[in-house]
Amino acid sequence: MVVTTFVHAACTLAALWGLRMTHLGRWGLGSRWRRVSLVSALVLLLFFAALLEVGIWAAVYLMVGAISALEPALYFSTVTFTTLGYGDVTLSEGWRLLASFEAANGIILFGWTTALIFAVLRRLATHDESLVGKLSS
C-alpha cells in the first residue's frame, strides 16, 4: 500500500507540474480541443499510474507465492484493485486478507484520481464562467 501510494503521489505531482508548465490558465482560455487534450492527458497519465499500481500488487502476489503465474496475478490484481471482484481467481485462506488491502488501496487511489480530475475540470469551468461574465458586461 505504501509503494502504490507513493507511485500515485509521484504521478499526481508530475501531473500538477505538467499543468503548471503548460499554464493551465491559458489552456482554459484556449480552444475546446486544447482543453479536451489537457483532460485526456491527465486521465491517461493517471490510468497508467493505476496500471503500474496493479502490476506492483501482482508482483507482491508472485513474490509471496499467493499466485504462481504472471497472467493470473495481473488478472486477479486488476479485478481486486478495481473492486470488481469476479471471484473466479481466489487466494488461499492465508493470503485473502491481502486482497482486501489491495481493494481498499484501489478504491482510495481511484477516489484520489477522481478528485484531481474534478479539480482540473472545475478550474477549466471557472475560466469559462469568467469569460462569460466578461463578455456579458
N, C-alpha and C. Protein backbone atom coordinates (compact mmCIF):
# COMPACT_ATOMS: atom_id res chain seq x y z
N MET A 1 0.82 -1.19 0.00
CA MET A 1 0.00 0.00 0.00
C MET A 1 0.87 1.26 0.00
N VAL A 2 1.95 1.19 0.74
CA VAL A 2 2.85 2.35 0.82
C VAL A 2 3.46 2.64 -0.55
N VAL A 3 3.93 1.62 -1.22
CA VAL A 3 4.58 1.80 -2.52
C VAL A 3 3.59 2.35 -3.54
N THR A 4 2.39 1.79 -3.61
CA THR A 4 1.41 2.27 -4.60
C THR A 4 0.96 3.70 -4.28
N THR A 5 0.90 4.03 -3.00
CA THR A 5 0.54 5.40 -2.62
C THR A 5 1.63 6.37 -3.06
N PHE A 6 2.89 5.98 -2.90
CA PHE A 6 3.99 6.82 -3.37
C PHE A 6 3.97 6.97 -4.89
N VAL A 7 3.68 5.87 -5.59
CA VAL A 7 3.57 5.93 -7.06
C VAL A 7 2.48 6.92 -7.45
N HIS A 8 1.34 6.83 -6.79
CA HIS A 8 0.23 7.71 -7.13
C HIS A 8 0.57 9.17 -6.80
N ALA A 9 1.24 9.37 -5.68
CA ALA A 9 1.65 10.73 -5.31
C ALA A 9 2.62 11.29 -6.34
N ALA A 10 3.57 10.47 -6.79
CA ALA A 10 4.53 10.92 -7.79
C ALA A 10 3.84 11.27 -9.10
N CYS A 11 2.87 10.45 -9.51
CA CYS A 11 2.13 10.74 -10.75
C CYS A 11 1.27 11.99 -10.59
N THR A 12 0.70 12.17 -9.42
CA THR A 12 -0.09 13.38 -9.16
C THR A 12 0.80 14.61 -9.24
N LEU A 13 1.95 14.55 -8.60
CA LEU A 13 2.88 15.68 -8.65
C LEU A 13 3.36 15.94 -10.07
N ALA A 14 3.62 14.89 -10.82
CA ALA A 14 4.02 15.05 -12.23
C ALA A 14 2.90 15.72 -13.02
N ALA A 15 1.67 15.31 -12.78
CA ALA A 15 0.53 15.92 -13.48
C ALA A 15 0.39 17.39 -13.10
N LEU A 16 0.52 17.70 -11.83
CA LEU A 16 0.40 19.10 -11.39
C LEU A 16 1.54 19.94 -11.95
N TRP A 17 2.76 19.38 -11.98
CA TRP A 17 3.89 20.07 -12.57
C TRP A 17 3.62 20.34 -14.05
N GLY A 18 3.11 19.32 -14.75
CA GLY A 18 2.79 19.48 -16.16
C GLY A 18 1.74 20.55 -16.39
N LEU A 19 0.74 20.59 -15.51
CA LEU A 19 -0.29 21.62 -15.64
C LEU A 19 0.29 23.01 -15.41
N ARG A 20 1.18 23.12 -14.42
CA ARG A 20 1.82 24.42 -14.18
C ARG A 20 2.69 24.83 -15.35
N MET A 21 3.42 23.87 -15.91
CA MET A 21 4.32 24.17 -17.03
C MET A 21 3.54 24.58 -18.28
N THR A 22 2.35 24.04 -18.45
CA THR A 22 1.56 24.40 -19.63
C THR A 22 0.62 25.55 -19.33
N HIS A 23 0.73 26.09 -18.12
CA HIS A 23 -0.08 27.24 -17.73
C HIS A 23 -1.57 26.94 -17.92
N LEU A 24 -2.10 26.20 -16.96
CA LEU A 24 -3.50 25.77 -17.01
C LEU A 24 -4.44 26.94 -17.31
N GLY A 25 -4.12 28.11 -16.80
CA GLY A 25 -4.98 29.26 -17.06
C GLY A 25 -5.11 29.56 -18.54
N ARG A 26 -4.01 29.46 -19.26
CA ARG A 26 -4.06 29.69 -20.71
C ARG A 26 -4.83 28.60 -21.42
N TRP A 27 -4.72 27.37 -20.91
CA TRP A 27 -5.47 26.26 -21.51
C TRP A 27 -6.96 26.51 -21.37
N GLY A 28 -7.36 27.06 -20.23
CA GLY A 28 -8.78 27.35 -20.03
C GLY A 28 -9.31 28.36 -21.01
N LEU A 29 -8.40 29.22 -21.50
CA LEU A 29 -8.81 30.24 -22.46
C LEU A 29 -8.69 29.74 -23.89
N GLY A 30 -8.11 28.56 -24.07
CA GLY A 30 -7.88 28.03 -25.40
C GLY A 30 -9.12 27.37 -25.99
N SER A 31 -8.90 26.71 -27.08
CA SER A 31 -9.99 26.05 -27.78
C SER A 31 -10.48 24.84 -26.98
N ARG A 32 -11.65 24.37 -27.37
CA ARG A 32 -12.19 23.17 -26.72
C ARG A 32 -11.26 21.99 -26.90
N TRP A 33 -10.63 21.88 -28.05
CA TRP A 33 -9.75 20.76 -28.32
C TRP A 33 -8.52 20.80 -27.43
N ARG A 34 -8.03 21.99 -27.12
CA ARG A 34 -6.90 22.09 -26.19
C ARG A 34 -7.31 21.63 -24.81
N ARG A 35 -8.51 22.01 -24.40
CA ARG A 35 -8.99 21.58 -23.08
C ARG A 35 -9.26 20.09 -23.05
N VAL A 36 -9.82 19.55 -24.13
CA VAL A 36 -10.04 18.10 -24.22
C VAL A 36 -8.69 17.37 -24.15
N SER A 37 -7.70 17.89 -24.83
CA SER A 37 -6.36 17.29 -24.82
C SER A 37 -5.77 17.30 -23.42
N LEU A 38 -5.93 18.40 -22.72
CA LEU A 38 -5.40 18.53 -21.36
C LEU A 38 -6.03 17.49 -20.44
N VAL A 39 -7.34 17.42 -20.44
CA VAL A 39 -8.05 16.48 -19.56
C VAL A 39 -7.73 15.04 -19.97
N SER A 40 -7.66 14.78 -21.26
CA SER A 40 -7.33 13.43 -21.74
C SER A 40 -5.94 13.02 -21.29
N ALA A 41 -4.98 13.91 -21.39
CA ALA A 41 -3.62 13.60 -20.95
C ALA A 41 -3.58 13.30 -19.46
N LEU A 42 -4.31 14.06 -18.68
CA LEU A 42 -4.38 13.83 -17.24
C LEU A 42 -4.98 12.45 -16.94
N VAL A 43 -6.09 12.14 -17.58
CA VAL A 43 -6.75 10.85 -17.36
C VAL A 43 -5.84 9.71 -17.76
N LEU A 44 -5.17 9.82 -18.91
CA LEU A 44 -4.27 8.76 -19.37
C LEU A 44 -3.08 8.58 -18.43
N LEU A 45 -2.51 9.67 -17.96
CA LEU A 45 -1.39 9.58 -17.02
C LEU A 45 -1.82 8.82 -15.76
N LEU A 46 -2.97 9.17 -15.24
CA LEU A 46 -3.44 8.52 -14.02
C LEU A 46 -3.89 7.09 -14.28
N PHE A 47 -4.35 6.79 -15.49
CA PHE A 47 -4.68 5.42 -15.85
C PHE A 47 -3.41 4.57 -15.87
N PHE A 48 -2.34 5.10 -16.47
CA PHE A 48 -1.08 4.37 -16.49
C PHE A 48 -0.52 4.20 -15.09
N ALA A 49 -0.76 5.17 -14.21
CA ALA A 49 -0.35 5.02 -12.81
C ALA A 49 -1.09 3.84 -12.19
N ALA A 50 -2.39 3.74 -12.46
CA ALA A 50 -3.18 2.62 -11.93
C ALA A 50 -2.67 1.29 -12.47
N LEU A 51 -2.30 1.25 -13.74
CA LEU A 51 -1.75 0.01 -14.30
C LEU A 51 -0.45 -0.37 -13.60
N LEU A 52 0.39 0.60 -13.33
CA LEU A 52 1.64 0.34 -12.61
C LEU A 52 1.34 -0.17 -11.20
N GLU A 53 0.36 0.42 -10.56
CA GLU A 53 -0.01 0.01 -9.20
C GLU A 53 -0.57 -1.41 -9.19
N VAL A 54 -1.37 -1.76 -10.18
CA VAL A 54 -1.87 -3.13 -10.33
C VAL A 54 -0.69 -4.08 -10.49
N GLY A 55 0.28 -3.68 -11.30
CA GLY A 55 1.47 -4.50 -11.51
C GLY A 55 2.28 -4.71 -10.23
N ILE A 56 2.34 -3.68 -9.42
CA ILE A 56 3.06 -3.79 -8.14
C ILE A 56 2.36 -4.82 -7.25
N TRP A 57 1.04 -4.73 -7.16
CA TRP A 57 0.30 -5.71 -6.36
C TRP A 57 0.47 -7.12 -6.93
N ALA A 58 0.45 -7.27 -8.24
CA ALA A 58 0.64 -8.58 -8.87
C ALA A 58 2.02 -9.14 -8.51
N ALA A 59 3.02 -8.28 -8.52
CA ALA A 59 4.37 -8.71 -8.15
C ALA A 59 4.41 -9.20 -6.70
N VAL A 60 3.68 -8.54 -5.84
CA VAL A 60 3.62 -8.97 -4.43
C VAL A 60 3.01 -10.37 -4.35
N TYR A 61 1.91 -10.60 -5.07
CA TYR A 61 1.29 -11.94 -5.05
C TYR A 61 2.25 -13.00 -5.55
N LEU A 62 3.03 -12.67 -6.56
CA LEU A 62 4.02 -13.62 -7.08
C LEU A 62 5.15 -13.85 -6.07
N MET A 63 5.65 -12.78 -5.47
CA MET A 63 6.78 -12.89 -4.53
C MET A 63 6.43 -13.71 -3.30
N VAL A 64 5.21 -13.55 -2.79
CA VAL A 64 4.84 -14.29 -1.57
C VAL A 64 4.32 -15.68 -1.89
N GLY A 65 4.14 -15.99 -3.18
CA GLY A 65 3.65 -17.31 -3.57
C GLY A 65 2.15 -17.48 -3.48
N ALA A 66 1.43 -16.37 -3.36
CA ALA A 66 -0.04 -16.44 -3.29
C ALA A 66 -0.63 -16.84 -4.63
N ILE A 67 0.03 -16.45 -5.71
CA ILE A 67 -0.36 -16.81 -7.08
C ILE A 67 0.93 -17.20 -7.79
N SER A 68 0.87 -18.25 -8.61
CA SER A 68 2.11 -18.81 -9.13
C SER A 68 2.52 -18.34 -10.52
N ALA A 69 1.64 -17.67 -11.26
CA ALA A 69 1.98 -17.25 -12.63
C ALA A 69 1.62 -15.79 -12.84
N LEU A 70 2.29 -15.16 -13.80
CA LEU A 70 2.12 -13.72 -14.03
C LEU A 70 0.71 -13.35 -14.49
N GLU A 71 0.19 -14.02 -15.50
CA GLU A 71 -1.13 -13.63 -16.04
C GLU A 71 -2.23 -13.71 -14.99
N PRO A 72 -2.35 -14.80 -14.24
CA PRO A 72 -3.40 -14.81 -13.21
C PRO A 72 -3.16 -13.78 -12.11
N ALA A 73 -1.88 -13.49 -11.82
CA ALA A 73 -1.58 -12.48 -10.80
C ALA A 73 -2.03 -11.10 -11.27
N LEU A 74 -1.74 -10.77 -12.54
CA LEU A 74 -2.19 -9.48 -13.09
C LEU A 74 -3.71 -9.41 -13.17
N TYR A 75 -4.32 -10.49 -13.60
CA TYR A 75 -5.78 -10.53 -13.71
C TYR A 75 -6.42 -10.36 -12.33
N PHE A 76 -5.97 -11.15 -11.36
CA PHE A 76 -6.52 -11.07 -10.01
C PHE A 76 -6.31 -9.68 -9.43
N SER A 77 -5.12 -9.13 -9.63
CA SER A 77 -4.81 -7.81 -9.10
C SER A 77 -5.70 -6.73 -9.72
N THR A 78 -5.92 -6.80 -11.02
CA THR A 78 -6.78 -5.82 -11.70
C THR A 78 -8.21 -5.91 -11.19
N VAL A 79 -8.72 -7.13 -11.10
CA VAL A 79 -10.10 -7.33 -10.63
C VAL A 79 -10.25 -6.87 -9.18
N THR A 80 -9.22 -7.07 -8.39
CA THR A 80 -9.27 -6.68 -6.97
C THR A 80 -9.07 -5.18 -6.80
N PHE A 81 -8.07 -4.62 -7.47
CA PHE A 81 -7.76 -3.19 -7.35
C PHE A 81 -8.95 -2.32 -7.76
N THR A 82 -9.65 -2.77 -8.78
CA THR A 82 -10.81 -2.01 -9.26
C THR A 82 -12.07 -2.33 -8.47
N THR A 83 -11.98 -3.21 -7.52
CA THR A 83 -13.07 -3.71 -6.67
C THR A 83 -14.18 -4.37 -7.49
N LEU A 84 -13.84 -4.87 -8.66
CA LEU A 84 -14.78 -5.61 -9.48
C LEU A 84 -15.09 -6.95 -8.85
N GLY A 85 -14.05 -7.67 -8.46
CA GLY A 85 -14.19 -8.88 -7.68
C GLY A 85 -14.98 -10.00 -8.31
N TYR A 86 -14.58 -10.48 -9.47
CA TYR A 86 -15.29 -11.59 -10.12
C TYR A 86 -15.33 -12.84 -9.25
N GLY A 87 -14.24 -13.15 -8.58
CA GLY A 87 -14.20 -14.33 -7.73
C GLY A 87 -13.81 -15.61 -8.45
N ASP A 88 -13.47 -15.52 -9.73
CA ASP A 88 -13.06 -16.73 -10.45
C ASP A 88 -11.62 -17.13 -10.13
N VAL A 89 -10.80 -16.19 -9.69
CA VAL A 89 -9.47 -16.47 -9.17
C VAL A 89 -9.48 -15.99 -7.73
N THR A 90 -9.12 -16.87 -6.82
CA THR A 90 -9.12 -16.50 -5.40
C THR A 90 -7.79 -16.87 -4.77
N LEU A 91 -7.54 -16.28 -3.63
CA LEU A 91 -6.33 -16.58 -2.87
C LEU A 91 -6.66 -17.60 -1.79
N SER A 92 -5.63 -18.30 -1.35
CA SER A 92 -5.81 -19.24 -0.25
C SER A 92 -6.14 -18.47 1.03
N GLU A 93 -6.62 -19.20 2.01
CA GLU A 93 -7.03 -18.57 3.26
C GLU A 93 -5.94 -17.71 3.89
N GLY A 94 -4.71 -18.13 3.75
CA GLY A 94 -3.60 -17.40 4.35
C GLY A 94 -3.30 -16.05 3.71
N TRP A 95 -3.79 -15.84 2.49
CA TRP A 95 -3.46 -14.61 1.76
C TRP A 95 -4.67 -13.75 1.42
N ARG A 96 -5.86 -14.20 1.70
CA ARG A 96 -7.03 -13.44 1.23
C ARG A 96 -7.18 -12.07 1.89
N LEU A 97 -6.66 -11.87 3.08
CA LEU A 97 -6.70 -10.55 3.70
C LEU A 97 -5.89 -9.54 2.89
N LEU A 98 -4.82 -10.01 2.25
CA LEU A 98 -4.00 -9.15 1.40
C LEU A 98 -4.84 -8.56 0.26
N ALA A 99 -5.74 -9.36 -0.29
CA ALA A 99 -6.63 -8.88 -1.35
C ALA A 99 -7.55 -7.77 -0.84
N SER A 100 -7.98 -7.87 0.40
CA SER A 100 -8.81 -6.82 0.99
C SER A 100 -8.06 -5.50 1.07
N PHE A 101 -6.78 -5.60 1.43
CA PHE A 101 -5.96 -4.39 1.48
C PHE A 101 -5.79 -3.79 0.09
N GLU A 102 -5.61 -4.64 -0.91
CA GLU A 102 -5.49 -4.11 -2.27
C GLU A 102 -6.76 -3.42 -2.70
N ALA A 103 -7.92 -4.01 -2.41
CA ALA A 103 -9.19 -3.40 -2.78
C ALA A 103 -9.36 -2.04 -2.09
N ALA A 104 -9.03 -1.97 -0.82
CA ALA A 104 -9.11 -0.69 -0.09
C ALA A 104 -8.15 0.32 -0.71
N ASN A 105 -6.95 -0.11 -1.03
CA ASN A 105 -5.96 0.75 -1.65
C ASN A 105 -6.47 1.27 -3.00
N GLY A 106 -7.02 0.37 -3.80
CA GLY A 106 -7.53 0.74 -5.11
C GLY A 106 -8.64 1.76 -5.04
N ILE A 107 -9.59 1.54 -4.15
CA ILE A 107 -10.73 2.47 -4.09
C ILE A 107 -10.29 3.85 -3.61
N ILE A 108 -9.31 3.88 -2.69
CA ILE A 108 -8.79 5.18 -2.23
C ILE A 108 -8.06 5.89 -3.36
N LEU A 109 -7.23 5.16 -4.10
CA LEU A 109 -6.47 5.79 -5.18
C LEU A 109 -7.37 6.21 -6.34
N PHE A 110 -8.44 5.45 -6.61
CA PHE A 110 -9.39 5.89 -7.64
C PHE A 110 -10.14 7.14 -7.18
N GLY A 111 -10.44 7.21 -5.89
CA GLY A 111 -11.06 8.43 -5.35
C GLY A 111 -10.14 9.63 -5.49
N TRP A 112 -8.89 9.42 -5.21
CA TRP A 112 -7.86 10.46 -5.34
C TRP A 112 -7.79 10.94 -6.79
N THR A 113 -7.78 9.98 -7.72
CA THR A 113 -7.75 10.30 -9.15
C THR A 113 -8.98 11.12 -9.55
N THR A 114 -10.13 10.68 -9.09
CA THR A 114 -11.38 11.37 -9.40
C THR A 114 -11.35 12.81 -8.88
N ALA A 115 -10.84 12.98 -7.67
CA ALA A 115 -10.76 14.33 -7.10
C ALA A 115 -9.85 15.24 -7.92
N LEU A 116 -8.73 14.69 -8.38
CA LEU A 116 -7.80 15.50 -9.18
C LEU A 116 -8.42 15.88 -10.52
N ILE A 117 -9.05 14.93 -11.17
CA ILE A 117 -9.70 15.22 -12.45
C ILE A 117 -10.80 16.25 -12.26
N PHE A 118 -11.59 16.09 -11.21
CA PHE A 118 -12.67 17.05 -10.93
C PHE A 118 -12.09 18.44 -10.68
N ALA A 119 -10.98 18.54 -9.96
CA ALA A 119 -10.37 19.84 -9.67
C ALA A 119 -9.93 20.53 -10.97
N VAL A 120 -9.34 19.76 -11.87
CA VAL A 120 -8.91 20.34 -13.15
C VAL A 120 -10.13 20.78 -13.97
N LEU A 121 -11.16 19.93 -14.03
CA LEU A 121 -12.37 20.30 -14.76
C LEU A 121 -13.02 21.55 -14.16
N ARG A 122 -13.02 21.63 -12.85
CA ARG A 122 -13.60 22.80 -12.17
C ARG A 122 -12.81 24.06 -12.52
N ARG A 123 -11.50 23.93 -12.57
CA ARG A 123 -10.67 25.09 -12.91
C ARG A 123 -10.96 25.55 -14.34
N LEU A 124 -11.10 24.59 -15.25
CA LEU A 124 -11.43 24.95 -16.63
C LEU A 124 -12.81 25.58 -16.71
N ALA A 125 -13.76 25.05 -15.95
CA ALA A 125 -15.12 25.60 -15.95
C ALA A 125 -15.13 27.01 -15.36
N THR A 126 -14.30 27.25 -14.36
CA THR A 126 -14.21 28.59 -13.76
C THR A 126 -13.74 29.60 -14.80
N HIS A 127 -12.79 29.19 -15.65
CA HIS A 127 -12.33 30.08 -16.72
C HIS A 127 -13.47 30.36 -17.70
N ASP A 128 -14.27 29.35 -18.01
CA ASP A 128 -15.42 29.55 -18.90
C ASP A 128 -16.40 30.54 -18.29
N GLU A 129 -16.66 30.40 -16.99
CA GLU A 129 -17.61 31.29 -16.31
C GLU A 129 -17.10 32.72 -16.31
N SER A 130 -15.79 32.91 -16.06
CA SER A 130 -15.24 34.26 -16.03
C SER A 130 -15.27 34.88 -17.41
N LEU A 131 -15.08 34.07 -18.45
CA LEU A 131 -15.17 34.59 -19.81
C LEU A 131 -16.58 35.03 -20.14
N VAL A 132 -17.55 34.22 -19.74
CA VAL A 132 -18.95 34.57 -19.99
C VAL A 132 -19.29 35.87 -19.28
N GLY A 133 -18.81 36.02 -18.03
CA GLY A 133 -19.06 37.25 -17.28
C GLY A 133 -18.45 38.47 -17.95
N LYS A 134 -17.24 38.34 -18.47
CA LYS A 134 -16.56 39.45 -19.14
C LYS A 134 -17.26 39.81 -20.45
N LEU A 135 -17.73 38.81 -21.17
CA LEU A 135 -18.39 39.06 -22.43
C LEU A 135 -19.76 39.72 -22.25
N SER A 136 -20.44 39.38 -21.15
CA SER A 136 -21.79 39.92 -20.96
C SER A 136 -21.76 41.29 -20.30
N SER A 137 -20.59 41.74 -19.81
CA SER A 137 -20.51 43.05 -19.15
C SER A 137 -20.50 44.17 -20.14
